[in-house]
N, C-alpha and C. Protein backbone atom coordinates (compact mmCIF):
# COMPACT_ATOMS: atom_id res chain seq x y z
N MET A 1 -13.11 0.60 -17.04
CA MET A 1 -12.05 0.56 -16.04
C MET A 1 -11.88 -0.87 -15.53
N ILE A 2 -10.67 -1.36 -15.58
CA ILE A 2 -10.36 -2.70 -15.10
C ILE A 2 -10.02 -2.63 -13.62
N LEU A 3 -10.70 -3.46 -12.85
CA LEU A 3 -10.45 -3.51 -11.41
C LEU A 3 -9.47 -4.64 -11.11
N HIS A 4 -8.49 -4.34 -10.28
CA HIS A 4 -7.52 -5.34 -9.84
C HIS A 4 -7.71 -5.58 -8.35
N LYS A 5 -7.71 -6.84 -7.97
CA LYS A 5 -7.97 -7.18 -6.56
C LYS A 5 -7.03 -6.45 -5.62
N SER A 6 -5.76 -6.39 -5.94
CA SER A 6 -4.80 -5.75 -5.04
C SER A 6 -5.12 -4.27 -4.82
N GLU A 7 -5.58 -3.60 -5.87
CA GLU A 7 -5.95 -2.19 -5.75
C GLU A 7 -7.22 -2.02 -4.93
N ILE A 8 -8.17 -2.93 -5.11
CA ILE A 8 -9.41 -2.87 -4.33
C ILE A 8 -9.10 -3.09 -2.85
N VAL A 9 -8.30 -4.11 -2.57
CA VAL A 9 -7.93 -4.40 -1.18
C VAL A 9 -7.23 -3.20 -0.56
N ALA A 10 -6.33 -2.57 -1.29
CA ALA A 10 -5.60 -1.40 -0.78
C ALA A 10 -6.56 -0.25 -0.49
N ALA A 11 -7.53 -0.04 -1.36
CA ALA A 11 -8.49 1.05 -1.15
C ALA A 11 -9.37 0.78 0.06
N ILE A 12 -9.83 -0.47 0.20
CA ILE A 12 -10.66 -0.82 1.36
C ILE A 12 -9.83 -0.68 2.64
N MET A 13 -8.59 -1.14 2.58
CA MET A 13 -7.69 -1.02 3.74
C MET A 13 -7.53 0.43 4.16
N ALA A 14 -7.33 1.31 3.20
CA ALA A 14 -7.16 2.73 3.51
C ALA A 14 -8.41 3.27 4.20
N GLU A 15 -9.57 2.83 3.76
CA GLU A 15 -10.82 3.29 4.38
C GLU A 15 -10.97 2.72 5.78
N VAL A 16 -10.62 1.46 5.98
CA VAL A 16 -10.67 0.86 7.32
C VAL A 16 -9.73 1.60 8.26
N VAL A 17 -8.52 1.90 7.80
CA VAL A 17 -7.56 2.64 8.62
C VAL A 17 -8.11 4.01 8.99
N ARG A 18 -8.76 4.68 8.02
CA ARG A 18 -9.34 6.00 8.28
C ARG A 18 -10.46 5.91 9.32
N ILE A 19 -11.35 4.94 9.17
CA ILE A 19 -12.46 4.78 10.11
C ILE A 19 -11.93 4.43 11.50
N ALA A 20 -11.02 3.47 11.57
CA ALA A 20 -10.46 3.06 12.86
C ALA A 20 -9.73 4.21 13.53
N SER A 21 -9.02 5.01 12.74
CA SER A 21 -8.30 6.15 13.28
C SER A 21 -9.26 7.14 13.94
N SER A 22 -10.44 7.30 13.35
CA SER A 22 -11.42 8.21 13.95
C SER A 22 -11.91 7.69 15.29
N LEU A 23 -11.71 6.39 15.54
CA LEU A 23 -12.07 5.77 16.82
C LEU A 23 -10.86 5.67 17.75
N GLY A 24 -9.72 6.22 17.30
CA GLY A 24 -8.50 6.18 18.10
C GLY A 24 -7.78 4.85 18.05
N ILE A 25 -8.01 4.09 16.98
CA ILE A 25 -7.42 2.76 16.84
C ILE A 25 -6.52 2.72 15.61
N ASP A 26 -5.37 2.07 15.74
CA ASP A 26 -4.45 1.90 14.61
C ASP A 26 -4.77 0.57 13.94
N ALA A 27 -5.29 0.61 12.73
CA ALA A 27 -5.65 -0.61 12.00
C ALA A 27 -4.64 -0.96 10.91
N SER A 28 -3.49 -0.33 10.93
CA SER A 28 -2.54 -0.51 9.84
C SER A 28 -1.97 -1.92 9.75
N ASP A 29 -2.09 -2.72 10.80
CA ASP A 29 -1.59 -4.09 10.78
C ASP A 29 -2.64 -5.11 10.33
N LEU A 30 -3.84 -4.65 9.99
CA LEU A 30 -4.90 -5.56 9.55
C LEU A 30 -4.45 -6.34 8.33
N GLN A 31 -4.64 -7.64 8.37
CA GLN A 31 -4.30 -8.51 7.24
C GLN A 31 -5.52 -8.64 6.33
N SER A 32 -5.29 -8.77 5.04
CA SER A 32 -6.39 -8.77 4.08
C SER A 32 -7.36 -9.94 4.26
N ALA A 33 -6.91 -11.04 4.84
CA ALA A 33 -7.79 -12.19 5.05
C ALA A 33 -8.39 -12.22 6.45
N GLU A 34 -8.02 -11.27 7.28
CA GLU A 34 -8.48 -11.24 8.67
C GLU A 34 -9.97 -10.91 8.73
N ASN A 35 -10.68 -11.58 9.64
CA ASN A 35 -12.10 -11.34 9.84
C ASN A 35 -12.29 -9.95 10.40
N LEU A 36 -12.84 -9.06 9.60
CA LEU A 36 -12.96 -7.65 9.98
C LEU A 36 -13.88 -7.44 11.19
N PRO A 37 -15.10 -8.01 11.21
CA PRO A 37 -15.94 -7.79 12.38
C PRO A 37 -15.32 -8.31 13.68
N ALA A 38 -14.59 -9.42 13.60
CA ALA A 38 -13.98 -10.01 14.79
C ALA A 38 -12.69 -9.30 15.21
N SER A 39 -12.14 -8.48 14.33
CA SER A 39 -10.86 -7.83 14.62
C SER A 39 -10.97 -6.78 15.72
N GLY A 40 -12.16 -6.24 15.90
CA GLY A 40 -12.35 -5.19 16.90
C GLY A 40 -11.79 -3.84 16.49
N LEU A 41 -11.37 -3.72 15.24
CA LEU A 41 -10.76 -2.47 14.79
C LEU A 41 -11.78 -1.39 14.46
N ILE A 42 -12.96 -1.82 14.04
CA ILE A 42 -14.04 -0.85 13.84
C ILE A 42 -15.31 -1.40 14.48
N ASP A 43 -16.14 -0.50 14.96
CA ASP A 43 -17.38 -0.92 15.60
C ASP A 43 -18.47 -1.10 14.55
N SER A 44 -19.69 -1.42 15.00
CA SER A 44 -20.77 -1.68 14.05
C SER A 44 -21.09 -0.44 13.21
N ALA A 45 -21.03 0.73 13.81
CA ALA A 45 -21.26 1.96 13.04
C ALA A 45 -20.16 2.15 12.00
N GLY A 46 -18.93 1.83 12.37
CA GLY A 46 -17.81 1.91 11.44
C GLY A 46 -17.96 0.92 10.30
N LEU A 47 -18.49 -0.25 10.61
CA LEU A 47 -18.71 -1.26 9.58
C LEU A 47 -19.77 -0.78 8.59
N LEU A 48 -20.82 -0.16 9.10
CA LEU A 48 -21.85 0.40 8.21
C LEU A 48 -21.27 1.53 7.36
N GLU A 49 -20.42 2.35 7.96
CA GLU A 49 -19.76 3.42 7.22
C GLU A 49 -18.89 2.85 6.10
N LEU A 50 -18.18 1.77 6.41
CA LEU A 50 -17.33 1.11 5.42
C LEU A 50 -18.17 0.57 4.26
N ILE A 51 -19.28 -0.08 4.58
CA ILE A 51 -20.15 -0.65 3.54
C ILE A 51 -20.73 0.47 2.67
N SER A 52 -21.14 1.56 3.29
CA SER A 52 -21.67 2.70 2.54
C SER A 52 -20.61 3.26 1.60
N TRP A 53 -19.40 3.42 2.12
CA TRP A 53 -18.28 3.90 1.29
C TRP A 53 -18.03 2.94 0.12
N PHE A 54 -18.02 1.64 0.42
CA PHE A 54 -17.77 0.59 -0.56
C PHE A 54 -18.77 0.67 -1.71
N GLU A 55 -20.05 0.82 -1.36
CA GLU A 55 -21.09 0.93 -2.39
C GLU A 55 -20.89 2.18 -3.25
N GLN A 56 -20.59 3.29 -2.61
CA GLN A 56 -20.40 4.54 -3.36
C GLN A 56 -19.13 4.51 -4.20
N ALA A 57 -18.05 4.03 -3.63
CA ALA A 57 -16.77 4.03 -4.33
C ALA A 57 -16.80 3.16 -5.58
N TYR A 58 -17.56 2.07 -5.53
CA TYR A 58 -17.56 1.12 -6.64
C TYR A 58 -18.90 1.06 -7.37
N ASP A 59 -19.78 1.99 -7.05
CA ASP A 59 -21.05 2.14 -7.75
C ASP A 59 -21.83 0.82 -7.80
N ILE A 60 -22.02 0.23 -6.63
CA ILE A 60 -22.82 -0.99 -6.53
C ILE A 60 -23.81 -0.82 -5.39
N ARG A 61 -24.86 -1.61 -5.41
CA ARG A 61 -25.80 -1.71 -4.30
C ARG A 61 -25.70 -3.14 -3.79
N ILE A 62 -25.50 -3.30 -2.52
CA ILE A 62 -25.38 -4.64 -1.95
C ILE A 62 -26.77 -5.06 -1.46
N ALA A 63 -27.27 -6.13 -2.03
CA ALA A 63 -28.58 -6.65 -1.64
C ALA A 63 -28.50 -7.17 -0.20
N SER A 64 -29.61 -7.05 0.51
CA SER A 64 -29.60 -7.45 1.93
C SER A 64 -29.18 -8.90 2.11
N GLU A 65 -29.54 -9.77 1.16
CA GLU A 65 -29.15 -11.18 1.29
C GLU A 65 -27.65 -11.39 1.07
N ASP A 66 -26.98 -10.38 0.51
CA ASP A 66 -25.53 -10.47 0.30
C ASP A 66 -24.72 -9.95 1.49
N PHE A 67 -25.39 -9.41 2.50
CA PHE A 67 -24.70 -8.93 3.70
C PHE A 67 -24.35 -10.13 4.57
N THR A 68 -23.31 -10.85 4.16
CA THR A 68 -22.87 -12.03 4.90
C THR A 68 -21.38 -11.94 5.17
N ILE A 69 -20.94 -12.71 6.13
CA ILE A 69 -19.52 -12.76 6.46
C ILE A 69 -18.74 -13.35 5.28
N ASP A 70 -19.39 -14.21 4.49
CA ASP A 70 -18.72 -14.82 3.34
C ASP A 70 -18.48 -13.81 2.22
N ASN A 71 -19.29 -12.76 2.16
CA ASN A 71 -19.12 -11.73 1.13
C ASN A 71 -18.34 -10.52 1.62
N LEU A 72 -18.52 -10.16 2.87
CA LEU A 72 -18.01 -8.88 3.36
C LEU A 72 -17.19 -9.00 4.63
N GLY A 73 -16.74 -10.20 4.97
CA GLY A 73 -16.08 -10.42 6.25
C GLY A 73 -14.62 -10.03 6.33
N SER A 74 -13.98 -9.85 5.19
CA SER A 74 -12.57 -9.45 5.18
C SER A 74 -12.32 -8.58 3.96
N LEU A 75 -11.16 -7.98 3.92
CA LEU A 75 -10.81 -7.16 2.76
C LEU A 75 -10.77 -8.03 1.49
N ASP A 76 -10.20 -9.23 1.59
CA ASP A 76 -10.14 -10.13 0.44
C ASP A 76 -11.53 -10.52 -0.03
N LEU A 77 -12.40 -10.86 0.93
CA LEU A 77 -13.76 -11.27 0.57
C LEU A 77 -14.54 -10.12 -0.06
N MET A 78 -14.35 -8.92 0.45
CA MET A 78 -15.03 -7.75 -0.14
C MET A 78 -14.56 -7.54 -1.58
N ALA A 79 -13.27 -7.66 -1.81
CA ALA A 79 -12.73 -7.49 -3.15
C ALA A 79 -13.26 -8.59 -4.08
N ASP A 80 -13.28 -9.82 -3.61
CA ASP A 80 -13.81 -10.93 -4.42
C ASP A 80 -15.28 -10.71 -4.74
N TYR A 81 -16.05 -10.26 -3.75
CA TYR A 81 -17.47 -9.98 -3.96
C TYR A 81 -17.64 -8.90 -5.04
N LEU A 82 -16.88 -7.84 -4.93
CA LEU A 82 -16.97 -6.75 -5.90
C LEU A 82 -16.62 -7.25 -7.31
N LEU A 83 -15.54 -7.98 -7.43
CA LEU A 83 -15.13 -8.48 -8.74
C LEU A 83 -16.18 -9.41 -9.34
N SER A 84 -16.79 -10.25 -8.51
CA SER A 84 -17.82 -11.16 -9.04
C SER A 84 -19.06 -10.37 -9.46
N ARG A 85 -19.41 -9.36 -8.68
CA ARG A 85 -20.56 -8.51 -9.05
C ARG A 85 -20.31 -7.76 -10.35
N LYS A 86 -19.11 -7.20 -10.49
CA LYS A 86 -18.79 -6.45 -11.71
C LYS A 86 -18.71 -7.38 -12.92
N ALA A 87 -18.28 -8.63 -12.72
CA ALA A 87 -18.19 -9.58 -13.81
C ALA A 87 -19.59 -9.99 -14.31
N GLN A 88 -20.57 -9.93 -13.41
CA GLN A 88 -21.95 -10.25 -13.77
C GLN A 88 -22.59 -9.14 -14.60
N GLY A 89 -21.97 -7.99 -14.59
CA GLY A 89 -22.48 -6.87 -15.36
C GLY A 89 -23.31 -6.03 -14.54
């Protein structure tokens, strides 16, 4: 299966919107390059839920040293991280 960044970003966005909605927040205006933790759209529990979903959806395990804002701080960065991990095999 070939992964396309735009599809990954859209899938992550849909999950962020779902999580934020459960908190009573509308996240539909989130921009793909926006800093997710700083956006205030999801709380720390929501962020953990998003990461768990991300790992399951794309069949990857994120090493603790990879839990950085540079890898997981925005929808774009998450997609780039996933693509680089999948390219490594």
